[in-house]
Amino acid sequence: MNETIISLVSILMGIIGANLTGYIYKKYSFGLIGNSIAGVFGSIFFIKSLGRLGFDPISIMEQGNVNYSLLILNLLVSFFGGVLALILIKKLKEKMDKA
């Protein structure tokens, strides 16, 4: 497993998080494509922002082996990044509709 695969799996977790949130909470849904786009951007933003704390893909593969605890933390942050991005985008859309 290398850094590129870890990055792609992280983005996939963000997509899953956003689509799962849109499926469970219909009021936050933008449809499959909209949720997926929100999940991609949320996942990338959160991993780039919070990954500097030591759970970015390069740190996960630093010694040549996979550090599974950092990998799980990375995937959780990506998942919740997708969820939070979907919720924040919906709130922003509601505010813009009022204006």
PDB file of N, CA and C in Angstrom:
ATOM      1  N   MET A   1       0.856  -1.173   0.000  1.00  0.00           N
ATOM      2  CA  MET A   1       0.000   0.000   0.000  1.00  0.00           C
ATOM      3  C   MET A   1       0.899   1.232   0.000  1.00  0.00           C
ATOM      4  N   ASN A   2       0.603   2.161  -0.862  1.00  0.00           N
ATOM      5  CA  ASN A   2       1.413   3.374  -0.886  1.00  0.00           C
ATOM      6  C   ASN A   2       0.551   4.603  -0.613  1.00  0.00           C
ATOM      7  N   GLU A   3       1.196   5.768  -0.628  1.00  0.00           N
ATOM      8  CA  GLU A   3       0.515   7.004  -0.248  1.00  0.00           C
ATOM      9  C   GLU A   3      -0.644   7.346  -1.175  1.00  0.00           C
ATOM     10  N   THR A   4      -0.509   7.027  -2.450  1.00  0.00           N
ATOM     11  CA  THR A   4      -1.561   7.346  -3.408  1.00  0.00           C
ATOM     12  C   THR A   4      -2.826   6.546  -3.127  1.00  0.00           C
ATOM     13  N   ILE A   5      -2.667   5.275  -2.833  1.00  0.00           N
ATOM     14  CA  ILE A   5      -3.828   4.434  -2.526  1.00  0.00           C
ATOM     15  C   ILE A   5      -4.490   4.897  -1.236  1.00  0.00           C
ATOM     16  N   ILE A   6      -3.690   5.266  -0.255  1.00  0.00           N
ATOM     17  CA  ILE A   6      -4.255   5.763   1.005  1.00  0.00           C
ATOM     18  C   ILE A   6      -5.043   7.043   0.758  1.00  0.00           C
ATOM     19  N   SER A   7      -4.531   7.932  -0.084  1.00  0.00           N
ATOM     20  CA  SER A   7      -5.244   9.171  -0.407  1.00  0.00           C
ATOM     21  C   SER A   7      -6.564   8.883  -1.108  1.00  0.00           C
ATOM     22  N   LEU A   8      -6.554   7.946  -2.054  1.00  0.00           N
ATOM     23  CA  LEU A   8      -7.782   7.613  -2.774  1.00  0.00           C
ATOM     24  C   LEU A   8      -8.817   6.956  -1.864  1.00  0.00           C
ATOM     25  N   VAL A   9      -8.364   6.106  -0.956  1.00  0.00           N
ATOM     26  CA  VAL A   9      -9.289   5.472  -0.013  1.00  0.00           C
ATOM     27  C   VAL A   9      -9.855   6.519   0.940  1.00  0.00           C
ATOM     28  N   SER A  10      -9.037   7.494   1.319  1.00  0.00           N
ATOM     29  CA  SER A  10      -9.519   8.579   2.181  1.00  0.00           C
ATOM     30  C   SER A  10     -10.613   9.384   1.486  1.00  0.00           C
ATOM     31  N   ILE A  11     -10.408   9.693   0.216  1.00  0.00           N
ATOM     32  CA  ILE A  11     -11.422  10.425  -0.534  1.00  0.00           C
ATOM     33  C   ILE A  11     -12.690   9.592  -0.661  1.00  0.00           C
ATOM     34  N   LEU A  12     -12.539   8.297  -0.873  1.00  0.00           N
ATOM     35  CA  LEU A  12     -13.698   7.409  -0.948  1.00  0.00           C
ATOM     36  C   LEU A  12     -14.471   7.409   0.375  1.00  0.00           C
ATOM     37  N   MET A  13     -13.763   7.457   1.489  1.00  0.00           N
ATOM     38  CA  MET A  13     -14.439   7.509   2.793  1.00  0.00           C
ATOM     39  C   MET A  13     -15.213   8.821   2.948  1.00  0.00           C
ATOM     40  N   GLY A  14     -14.682   9.918   2.445  1.00  0.00           N
ATOM     41  CA  GLY A  14     -15.409  11.187   2.473  1.00  0.00           C
ATOM     42  C   GLY A  14     -16.681  11.121   1.643  1.00  0.00           C
ATOM     43  N   ILE A  15     -16.598  10.480   0.477  1.00  0.00           N
ATOM     44  CA  ILE A  15     -17.778  10.303  -0.378  1.00  0.00           C
ATOM     45  C   ILE A  15     -18.815   9.442   0.329  1.00  0.00           C
ATOM     46  N   ILE A  16     -18.371   8.364   0.957  1.00  0.00           N
ATOM     47  CA  ILE A  16     -19.292   7.484   1.689  1.00  0.00           C
ATOM     48  C   ILE A  16     -19.946   8.241   2.834  1.00  0.00           C
ATOM     49  N   GLY A  17     -19.163   9.031   3.571  1.00  0.00           N
ATOM     50  CA  GLY A  17     -19.715   9.799   4.684  1.00  0.00           C
ATOM     51  C   GLY A  17     -20.773  10.797   4.246  1.00  0.00           C
ATOM     52  N   ALA A  18     -20.503  11.510   3.162  1.00  0.00           N
ATOM     53  CA  ALA A  18     -21.465  12.506   2.677  1.00  0.00           C
ATOM     54  C   ALA A  18     -22.723  11.831   2.136  1.00  0.00           C
ATOM     55  N   ASN A  19     -22.565  10.760   1.373  1.00  0.00           N
ATOM     56  CA  ASN A  19     -23.736  10.086   0.817  1.00  0.00           C
ATOM     57  C   ASN A  19     -24.559   9.391   1.896  1.00  0.00           C
ATOM     58  N   LEU A  20     -23.899   8.840   2.890  1.00  0.00           N
ATOM     59  CA  LEU A  20     -24.626   8.208   3.987  1.00  0.00           C
ATOM     60  C   LEU A  20     -25.411   9.253   4.784  1.00  0.00           C
ATOM     61  N   THR A  21     -24.817  10.391   5.008  1.00  0.00           N
ATOM     62  CA  THR A  21     -25.520  11.476   5.706  1.00  0.00           C
ATOM     63  C   THR A  21     -26.702  11.971   4.891  1.00  0.00           C
ATOM     64  N   GLY A  22     -26.512  12.130   3.586  1.00  0.00           N
ATOM     65  CA  GLY A  22     -27.611  12.558   2.725  1.00  0.00           C
ATOM     66  C   GLY A  22     -28.721  11.528   2.653  1.00  0.00           C
ATOM     67  N   TYR A  23     -28.372  10.258   2.761  1.00  0.00           N
ATOM     68  CA  TYR A  23     -29.379   9.191   2.727  1.00  0.00           C
ATOM     69  C   TYR A  23     -30.168   9.136   4.039  1.00  0.00           C
ATOM     70  N   ILE A  24     -29.472   9.292   5.160  1.00  0.00           N
ATOM     71  CA  ILE A  24     -30.140   9.215   6.463  1.00  0.00           C
ATOM     72  C   ILE A  24     -30.926  10.494   6.747  1.00  0.00           C
ATOM     73  N   TYR A  25     -30.314  11.647   6.504  1.00  0.00           N
ATOM     74  CA  TYR A  25     -30.955  12.935   6.750  1.00  0.00           C
ATOM     75  C   TYR A  25     -31.287  13.568   5.404  1.00  0.00           C
ATOM     76  N   LYS A  26     -32.482  13.373   4.948  1.00  0.00           N
ATOM     77  CA  LYS A  26     -32.896  13.822   3.616  1.00  0.00           C
ATOM     78  C   LYS A  26     -32.801  15.339   3.450  1.00  0.00           C
ATOM     79  N   LYS A  27     -32.932  16.090   4.534  1.00  0.00           N
ATOM     80  CA  LYS A  27     -32.901  17.550   4.397  1.00  0.00           C
ATOM     81  C   LYS A  27     -31.513  18.078   4.041  1.00  0.00           C
ATOM     82  N   TYR A  28     -30.459  17.267   4.221  1.00  0.00           N
ATOM     83  CA  TYR A  28     -29.110  17.672   3.862  1.00  0.00           C
ATOM     84  C   TYR A  28     -28.670  17.137   2.504  1.00  0.00           C
ATOM     85  N   SER A  29     -29.521  16.443   1.807  1.00  0.00           N
ATOM     86  CA  SER A  29     -29.128  15.774   0.579  1.00  0.00           C
ATOM     87  C   SER A  29     -29.129  16.712  -0.622  1.00  0.00           C
ATOM     88  N   PHE A  30     -28.115  16.568  -1.464  1.00  0.00           N
ATOM     89  CA  PHE A  30     -28.038  17.250  -2.752  1.00  0.00           C
ATOM     90  C   PHE A  30     -28.117  16.244  -3.895  1.00  0.00           C
ATOM     91  N   GLY A  31     -28.520  15.047  -3.611  1.00  0.00           N
ATOM     92  CA  GLY A  31     -28.518  13.989  -4.614  1.00  0.00           C
ATOM     93  C   GLY A  31     -27.177  13.272  -4.609  1.00  0.00           C
ATOM     94  N   LEU A  32     -27.087  12.211  -5.354  1.00  0.00           N
ATOM     95  CA  LEU A  32     -25.883  11.381  -5.355  1.00  0.00           C
ATOM     96  C   LEU A  32     -24.655  12.161  -5.819  1.00  0.00           C
ATOM     97  N   ILE A  33     -24.784  12.894  -6.885  1.00  0.00           N
ATOM     98  CA  ILE A  33     -23.624  13.614  -7.422  1.00  0.00           C
ATOM     99  C   ILE A  33     -23.229  14.777  -6.513  1.00  0.00           C
ATOM    100  N   GLY A  34     -24.196  15.527  -6.034  1.00  0.00           N
ATOM    101  CA  GLY A  34     -23.900  16.647  -5.141  1.00  0.00           C
ATOM    102  C   GLY A  34     -23.284  16.194  -3.837  1.00  0.00           C
ATOM    103  N   ASN A  35     -23.810  15.128  -3.272  1.00  0.00           N
ATOM    104  CA  ASN A  35     -23.245  14.586  -2.039  1.00  0.00           C
ATOM    105  C   ASN A  35     -21.819  14.088  -2.267  1.00  0.00           C
ATOM    106  N   SER A  36     -21.592  13.457  -3.412  1.00  0.00           N
ATOM    107  CA  SER A  36     -20.252  12.940  -3.711  1.00  0.00           C
ATOM    108  C   SER A  36     -19.244  14.076  -3.854  1.00  0.00           C
ATOM    109  N   ILE A  37     -19.649  15.154  -4.517  1.00  0.00           N
ATOM    110  CA  ILE A  37     -18.753  16.301  -4.669  1.00  0.00           C
ATOM    111  C   ILE A  37     -18.449  16.922  -3.310  1.00  0.00           C
ATOM    112  N   ALA A  38     -19.462  17.060  -2.472  1.00  0.00           N
ATOM    113  CA  ALA A  38     -19.239  17.598  -1.121  1.00  0.00           C
ATOM    114  C   ALA A  38     -18.314  16.682  -0.331  1.00  0.00           C
ATOM    115  N   GLY A  39     -18.478  15.380  -0.478  1.00  0.00           N
ATOM    116  CA  GLY A  39     -17.623  14.426   0.221  1.00  0.00           C
ATOM    117  C   GLY A  39     -16.177  14.502  -0.214  1.00  0.00           C
ATOM    118  N   VAL A  40     -15.954  14.692  -1.506  1.00  0.00           N
ATOM    119  CA  VAL A  40     -14.581  14.811  -2.014  1.00  0.00           C
ATOM    120  C   VAL A  40     -13.911  16.056  -1.434  1.00  0.00           C
ATOM    121  N   PHE A  41     -14.588  17.189  -1.545  1.00  0.00           N
ATOM    122  CA  PHE A  41     -13.982  18.422  -1.070  1.00  0.00           C
ATOM    123  C   PHE A  41     -13.826  18.442   0.449  1.00  0.00           C
ATOM    124  N   GLY A  42     -14.804  17.915   1.168  1.00  0.00           N
ATOM    125  CA  GLY A  42     -14.696  17.862   2.627  1.00  0.00           C
ATOM    126  C   GLY A  42     -13.561  16.965   3.075  1.00  0.00           C
ATOM    127  N   SER A  43     -13.442  15.821   2.437  1.00  0.00           N
ATOM    128  CA  SER A  43     -12.380  14.885   2.785  1.00  0.00           C
ATOM    129  C   SER A  43     -11.007  15.487   2.522  1.00  0.00           C
ATOM    130  N   ILE A  44     -10.835  16.066   1.355  1.00  0.00           N
ATOM    131  CA  ILE A  44      -9.538  16.649   1.018  1.00  0.00           C
ATOM    132  C   ILE A  44      -9.210  17.815   1.938  1.00  0.00           C
ATOM    133  N   PHE A  45     -10.191  18.673   2.207  1.00  0.00           N
ATOM    134  CA  PHE A  45      -9.947  19.832   3.069  1.00  0.00           C
ATOM    135  C   PHE A  45      -9.543  19.412   4.481  1.00  0.00           C
ATOM    136  N   PHE A  46     -10.267  18.450   5.051  1.00  0.00           N
ATOM    137  CA  PHE A  46      -9.970  18.042   6.418  1.00  0.00           C
ATOM    138  C   PHE A  46      -8.649  17.286   6.520  1.00  0.00           C
ATOM    139  N   ILE A  47      -8.333  16.449   5.538  1.00  0.00           N
ATOM    140  CA  ILE A  47      -7.065  15.726   5.595  1.00  0.00           C
ATOM    141  C   ILE A  47      -5.896  16.684   5.386  1.00  0.00           C
ATOM    142  N   LYS A  48      -6.034  17.639   4.481  1.00  0.00           N
ATOM    143  CA  LYS A  48      -4.959  18.612   4.277  1.00  0.00           C
ATOM    144  C   LYS A  48      -4.795  19.520   5.493  1.00  0.00           C
ATOM    145  N   SER A  49      -5.892  19.874   6.140  1.00  0.00           N
ATOM    146  CA  SER A  49      -5.826  20.758   7.302  1.00  0.00           C
ATOM    147  C   SER A  49      -5.335  20.029   8.548  1.00  0.00           C
ATOM    148  N   LEU A  50      -5.983  18.929   8.860  1.00  0.00           N
ATOM    149  CA  LEU A  50      -5.680  18.221  10.102  1.00  0.00           C
ATOM    150  C   LEU A  50      -4.598  17.164   9.941  1.00  0.00           C
ATOM    151  N   GLY A  51      -4.277  16.801   8.719  1.00  0.00           N
ATOM    152  CA  GLY A  51      -3.259  15.783   8.487  1.00  0.00           C
ATOM    153  C   GLY A  51      -1.876  16.219   8.926  1.00  0.00           C
ATOM    154  N   ARG A  52      -1.675  17.502   9.075  1.00  0.00           N
ATOM    155  CA  ARG A  52      -0.378  18.010   9.545  1.00  0.00           C
ATOM    156  C   ARG A  52      -0.114  17.610  10.994  1.00  0.00           C
ATOM    157  N   LEU A  53      -1.129  17.110  11.662  1.00  0.00           N
ATOM    158  CA  LEU A  53      -0.942  16.631  13.035  1.00  0.00           C
ATOM    159  C   LEU A  53      -0.278  15.262  13.078  1.00  0.00           C
ATOM    160  N   GLY A  54      -0.090  14.632  11.914  1.00  0.00           N
ATOM    161  CA  GLY A  54       0.674  13.395  11.884  1.00  0.00           C
ATOM    162  C   GLY A  54      -0.045  12.182  11.339  1.00  0.00           C
ATOM    163  N   PHE A  55      -1.182  12.338  10.715  1.00  0.00           N
ATOM    164  CA  PHE A  55      -1.861  11.171  10.155  1.00  0.00           C
ATOM    165  C   PHE A  55      -2.145  11.344   8.668  1.00  0.00           C
ATOM    166  N   ASP A  56      -1.284  12.061   7.982  1.00  0.00           N
ATOM    167  CA  ASP A  56      -1.379  12.166   6.526  1.00  0.00           C
ATOM    168  C   ASP A  56      -0.801  10.901   5.897  1.00  0.00           C
ATOM    169  N   PRO A  57      -1.057  10.652   4.613  1.00  0.00           N
ATOM    170  CA  PRO A  57      -0.598   9.411   3.980  1.00  0.00           C
ATOM    171  C   PRO A  57       0.910   9.189   4.050  1.00  0.00           C
ATOM    172  N   ILE A  58       1.689  10.255   4.001  1.00  0.00           N
ATOM    173  CA  ILE A  58       3.141  10.096   4.080  1.00  0.00           C
ATOM    174  C   ILE A  58       3.551   9.616   5.462  1.00  0.00           C
ATOM    175  N   SER A  59       2.918  10.143   6.510  1.00  0.00           N
ATOM    176  CA  SER A  59       3.228   9.699   7.873  1.00  0.00           C
ATOM    177  C   SER A  59       2.778   8.262   8.117  1.00  0.00           C
ATOM    178  N   ILE A  60       1.699   7.868   7.484  1.00  0.00           N
ATOM    179  CA  ILE A  60       1.205   6.495   7.648  1.00  0.00           C
ATOM    180  C   ILE A  60       2.213   5.496   7.086  1.00  0.00           C
ATOM    181  N   MET A  61       2.860   5.848   5.981  1.00  0.00           N
ATOM    182  CA  MET A  61       3.818   4.951   5.324  1.00  0.00           C
ATOM    183  C   MET A  61       5.271   5.322   5.604  1.00  0.00           C
ATOM    184  N   GLU A  62       5.536   6.082   6.646  1.00  0.00           N
ATOM    185  CA  GLU A  62       6.856   6.649   6.881  1.00  0.00           C
ATOM    186  C   GLU A  62       7.962   5.607   7.005  1.00  0.00           C
ATOM    187  N   GLN A  63       7.729   4.519   7.684  1.00  0.00           N
ATOM    188  CA  GLN A  63       8.775   3.523   7.909  1.00  0.00           C
ATOM    189  C   GLN A  63       8.700   2.361   6.930  1.00  0.00           C
ATOM    190  N   GLY A  64       7.925   2.503   5.868  1.00  0.00           N
ATOM    191  CA  GLY A  64       7.814   1.446   4.886  1.00  0.00           C
ATOM    192  C   GLY A  64       6.692   0.462   5.156  1.00  0.00           C
ATOM    193  N   ASN A  65       6.175   0.449   6.360  1.00  0.00           N
ATOM    194  CA  ASN A  65       5.038  -0.389   6.733  1.00  0.00           C
ATOM    195  C   ASN A  65       3.840   0.496   7.030  1.00  0.00           C
ATOM    196  N   VAL A  66       2.665  -0.098   6.954  1.00  0.00           N
ATOM    197  CA  VAL A  66       1.446   0.657   7.228  1.00  0.00           C
ATOM    198  C   VAL A  66       1.254   0.781   8.738  1.00  0.00           C
ATOM    199  N   ASN A  67       1.100   1.998   9.215  1.00  0.00           N
ATOM    200  CA  ASN A  67       0.758   2.251  10.609  1.00  0.00           C
ATOM    201  C   ASN A  67      -0.775   2.263  10.675  1.00  0.00           C
ATOM    202  N   TYR A  68      -1.354   1.170  11.135  1.00  0.00           N
ATOM    203  CA  TYR A  68      -2.805   0.997  11.047  1.00  0.00           C
ATOM    204  C   TYR A  68      -3.580   1.943  11.962  1.00  0.00           C
ATOM    205  N   SER A  69      -3.018   2.318  13.081  1.00  0.00           N
ATOM    206  CA  SER A  69      -3.738   3.256  13.942  1.00  0.00           C
ATOM    207  C   SER A  69      -3.848   4.632  13.270  1.00  0.00           C
ATOM    208  N   LEU A  70      -2.779   5.071  12.609  1.00  0.00           N
ATOM    209  CA  LEU A  70      -2.852   6.334  11.872  1.00  0.00           C
ATOM    210  C   LEU A  70      -3.763   6.220  10.666  1.00  0.00           C
ATOM    211  N   LEU A  71      -3.787   5.052  10.027  1.00  0.00           N
ATOM    212  CA  LEU A  71      -4.674   4.840   8.879  1.00  0.00           C
ATOM    213  C   LEU A  71      -6.138   4.932   9.290  1.00  0.00           C
ATOM    214  N   ILE A  72      -6.486   4.320  10.414  1.00  0.00           N
ATOM    215  CA  ILE A  72      -7.867   4.377  10.901  1.00  0.00           C
ATOM    216  C   ILE A  72      -8.239   5.814  11.262  1.00  0.00           C
ATOM    217  N   LEU A  73      -7.325   6.531  11.890  1.00  0.00           N
ATOM    218  CA  LEU A  73      -7.583   7.930  12.229  1.00  0.00           C
ATOM    219  C   LEU A  73      -7.774   8.767  10.966  1.00  0.00           C
ATOM    220  N   ASN A  74      -6.960   8.516   9.960  1.00  0.00           N
ATOM    221  CA  ASN A  74      -7.086   9.203   8.680  1.00  0.00           C
ATOM    222  C   ASN A  74      -8.440   8.936   8.046  1.00  0.00           C
ATOM    223  N   LEU A  75      -8.878   7.686   8.052  1.00  0.00           N
ATOM    224  CA  LEU A  75     -10.158   7.339   7.437  1.00  0.00           C
ATOM    225  C   LEU A  75     -11.328   7.933   8.208  1.00  0.00           C
ATOM    226  N   LEU A  76     -11.240   7.981   9.525  1.00  0.00           N
ATOM    227  CA  LEU A  76     -12.309   8.597  10.325  1.00  0.00           C
ATOM    228  C   LEU A  76     -12.407  10.098  10.068  1.00  0.00           C
ATOM    229  N   VAL A  77     -11.262  10.762   9.983  1.00  0.00           N
ATOM    230  CA  VAL A  77     -11.267  12.199   9.702  1.00  0.00           C
ATOM    231  C   VAL A  77     -11.842  12.457   8.308  1.00  0.00           C
ATOM    232  N   SER A  78     -11.509  11.614   7.352  1.00  0.00           N
ATOM    233  CA  SER A  78     -12.056  11.762   6.005  1.00  0.00           C
ATOM    234  C   SER A  78     -13.562  11.564   6.004  1.00  0.00           C
ATOM    235  N   PHE A  79     -14.031  10.549   6.714  1.00  0.00           N
ATOM    236  CA  PHE A  79     -15.466  10.276   6.794  1.00  0.00           C
ATOM    237  C   PHE A  79     -16.208  11.473   7.378  1.00  0.00           C
ATOM    238  N   PHE A  80     -15.737  11.964   8.526  1.00  0.00           N
ATOM    239  CA  PHE A  80     -16.408  13.088   9.164  1.00  0.00           C
ATOM    240  C   PHE A  80     -16.186  14.390   8.404  1.00  0.00           C
ATOM    241  N   GLY A  81     -15.114  14.485   7.633  1.00  0.00           N
ATOM    242  CA  GLY A  81     -14.926  15.640   6.752  1.00  0.00           C
ATOM    243  C   GLY A  81     -16.008  15.698   5.693  1.00  0.00           C
ATOM    244  N   GLY A  82     -16.349  14.539   5.120  1.00  0.00           N
ATOM    245  CA  GLY A  82     -17.439  14.486   4.144  1.00  0.00           C
ATOM    246  C   GLY A  82     -18.772  14.839   4.761  1.00  0.00           C
ATOM    247  N   VAL A  83     -19.007  14.349   5.971  1.00  0.00           N
ATOM    248  CA  VAL A  83     -20.264  14.646   6.674  1.00  0.00           C
ATOM    249  C   VAL A  83     -20.374  16.140   6.972  1.00  0.00           C
ATOM    250  N   LEU A  84     -19.331  16.705   7.542  1.00  0.00           N
ATOM    251  CA  LEU A  84     -19.371  18.121   7.905  1.00  0.00           C
ATOM    252  C   LEU A  84     -19.443  19.029   6.680  1.00  0.00           C
ATOM    253  N   ALA A  85     -18.771  18.646   5.612  1.00  0.00           N
ATOM    254  CA  ALA A  85     -18.842  19.457   4.393  1.00  0.00           C
ATOM    255  C   ALA A  85     -20.261  19.490   3.850  1.00  0.00           C
ATOM    256  N   LEU A  86     -20.928  18.357   3.859  1.00  0.00           N
ATOM    257  CA  LEU A  86     -22.308  18.313   3.358  1.00  0.00           C
ATOM    258  C   LEU A  86     -23.216  19.201   4.202  1.00  0.00           C
ATOM    259  N   ILE A  87     -23.086  19.125   5.506  1.00  0.00           N
ATOM    260  CA  ILE A  87     -23.923  19.927   6.399  1.00  0.00           C
ATOM    261  C   ILE A  87     -23.623  21.421   6.231  1.00  0.00           C
ATOM    262  N   LEU A  88     -22.338  21.776   6.161  1.00  0.00           N
ATOM    263  CA  LEU A  88     -21.976  23.185   6.018  1.00  0.00           C
ATOM    264  C   LEU A  88     -22.403  23.758   4.675  1.00  0.00           C
ATOM    265  N   ILE A  89     -22.295  22.970   3.621  1.00  0.00           N
ATOM    266  CA  ILE A  89     -22.729  23.439   2.300  1.00  0.00           C
ATOM    267  C   ILE A  89     -24.241  23.648   2.282  1.00  0.00           C
ATOM    268  N   LYS A  90     -24.983  22.762   2.936  1.00  0.00           N
ATOM    269  CA  LYS A  90     -26.441  22.919   2.995  1.00  0.00           C
ATOM    270  C   LYS A  90     -26.819  24.179   3.770  1.00  0.00           C
ATOM    271  N   LYS A  91     -26.133  24.416   4.899  1.00  0.00           N
ATOM    272  CA  LYS A  91     -26.404  25.629   5.680  1.00  0.00           C
ATOM    273  C   LYS A  91     -26.071  26.882   4.866  1.00  0.00           C
ATOM    274  N   LEU A  92     -24.965  26.847   4.123  1.00  0.00           N
ATOM    275  CA  LEU A  92     -24.591  27.976   3.281  1.00  0.00           C
ATOM    276  C   LEU A  92     -25.624  28.206   2.189  1.00  0.00           C
ATOM    277  N   LYS A  93     -26.126  27.147   1.592  1.00  0.00           N
ATOM    278  CA  LYS A  93     -27.153  27.265   0.551  1.00  0.00           C
ATOM    279  C   LYS A  93     -28.433  27.868   1.114  1.00  0.00           C
ATOM    280  N   GLU A  94     -28.827  27.471   2.326  1.00  0.00           N
ATOM    281  CA  GLU A  94     -30.022  28.024   2.953  1.00  0.00           C
ATOM    282  C   GLU A  94     -29.862  29.512   3.220  1.00  0.00           C
ATOM    283  N   LYS A  95     -28.681  29.930   3.680  1.00  0.00           N
ATOM    284  CA  LYS A  95     -28.440  31.346   3.934  1.00  0.00           C
ATOM    285  C   LYS A  95     -28.443  32.156   2.642  1.00  0.00           C
ATOM    286  N   MET A  96     -27.914  31.579   1.579  1.00  0.00           N
ATOM    287  CA  MET A  96     -27.892  32.294   0.311  1.00  0.00           C
ATOM    288  C   MET A  96     -29.287  32.381  -0.305  1.00  0.00           C
ATOM    289  N   ASP A  97     -30.125  31.382  -0.061  1.00  0.00           N
ATOM    290  CA  ASP A  97     -31.490  31.433  -0.562  1.00  0.00           C
ATOM    291  C   ASP A  97     -32.323  32.504   0.122  1.00  0.00           C
ATOM    292  N   LYS A  98     -32.021  32.751   1.412  1.00  0.00           N
ATOM    293  CA  LYS A  98     -32.746  33.785   2.153  1.00  0.00           C
ATOM    294  C   LYS A  98     -32.389  35.194   1.658  1.00  0.00           C
ATOM    295  N   ALA A  99     -31.166  35.355   1.203  1.00  0.00           N
ATOM    296  CA  ALA A  99     -30.702  36.693   0.784  1.00  0.00           C
ATOM    297  C   ALA A  99     -31.201  37.106  -0.566  1.00  0.00           C
TER     298      ALA A  99
END
